[in-house]
Protein backbone atom coordinates (compact mmCIF):
# COMPACT_ATOMS: atom_id res chain seq x y z
CA MET A 1 114.33 220.19 71.28
CA LEU A 2 112.78 221.51 68.35
CA ASN A 3 112.30 218.71 65.08
CA VAL A 4 114.69 220.18 63.06
CA SER A 5 116.41 218.38 59.70
CA ILE A 6 120.07 217.87 59.20
CA ALA A 7 119.79 220.07 55.98
CA ASN A 8 118.82 222.64 58.90
CA VAL A 9 121.74 221.81 60.69
CA ALA A 10 124.02 222.32 58.35
CA THR A 11 122.64 225.74 57.14
CA ARG A 12 122.21 227.37 60.90
CA TYR A 13 126.36 225.63 61.09
CA ILE A 14 127.51 227.67 57.93
CA LEU A 15 125.45 230.99 58.62
CA ASP A 16 126.91 230.97 62.25
CA LYS A 17 130.31 231.54 60.88
CA SER A 18 131.50 234.82 60.64
CA ALA A 19 132.56 234.62 56.84
CA VAL A 20 129.55 233.77 55.66
CA ALA A 21 126.62 236.28 54.40
CA GLY A 22 123.97 233.81 53.31
CA VAL A 23 123.39 230.09 52.11
CA ILE A 24 121.69 229.53 48.50
CA ILE A 25 119.67 226.35 49.12
CA GLY A 26 118.07 224.50 46.73
CA VAL A 27 113.94 223.82 46.30
CA ARG A 28 112.35 221.62 44.06
CA LEU A 29 109.42 223.09 42.06
CA ARG A 30 105.91 222.14 43.76
CA ILE A 31 107.30 221.18 46.93
CA VAL A 32 106.38 223.46 49.11
CA ALA A 33 107.08 221.16 52.15
CA HIS A 34 111.09 221.56 51.58
CA ARG A 35 110.11 225.23 51.42
CA ASN A 36 108.76 225.25 54.75
CA ASN A 37 111.19 222.94 56.26
CA SER A 38 114.05 225.45 55.56
CA ALA A 39 112.41 228.31 57.51
CA HIS A 40 112.45 226.32 60.55
CA VAL A 41 116.81 227.43 60.53
CA PHE A 42 115.91 230.35 61.66
CA ASN A 43 113.92 229.17 64.76
CA PHE A 44 117.40 227.48 66.41
CA SER A 45 120.56 227.96 67.23
CA LEU A 46 124.22 225.52 67.62
CA ASP A 47 125.88 225.80 71.35
CA LYS A 48 129.54 225.48 71.54
CA SER A 49 128.74 221.97 72.15
CA ASP A 50 126.94 221.51 68.95
CA CYS A 51 129.48 223.17 67.19
CA TYR A 52 132.52 221.34 68.60
CA ASP A 53 130.73 217.48 67.64
CA ILE A 54 130.43 218.93 63.97
CA ASN A 55 134.10 220.00 63.88
CA ALA A 56 134.91 216.55 65.65
CA VAL A 57 132.92 214.69 62.32
CA CYS A 58 134.50 217.39 59.35
CA THR A 59 137.93 216.60 60.94
CA LYS A 60 137.52 213.21 59.66
CA SER A 61 136.08 214.14 55.87
CA ASN A 62 137.76 214.70 52.78
CA ASN A 63 139.26 218.46 52.02
CA LEU A 64 137.15 219.42 49.09
CA TYR A 65 139.48 221.94 47.93
CA GLU A 66 142.44 218.86 48.13
CA TYR A 67 143.31 217.64 44.25
CA ARG A 68 144.15 214.01 44.43
């Protein structure tokens, strides 16, 4: 198992969606570690079990497109 951040997992999850061509990742000036860390997103993949677990969590979140 690679040592990846939650940001890497989230980015990989979104990139794996068929309707997504890319993601925009914010990088703060002079913090090279963030840029280097973001490159790890291309060094691993999520399996069906990982996606199932992420989807289970997402069903508990608020719908950001729903106005209250």
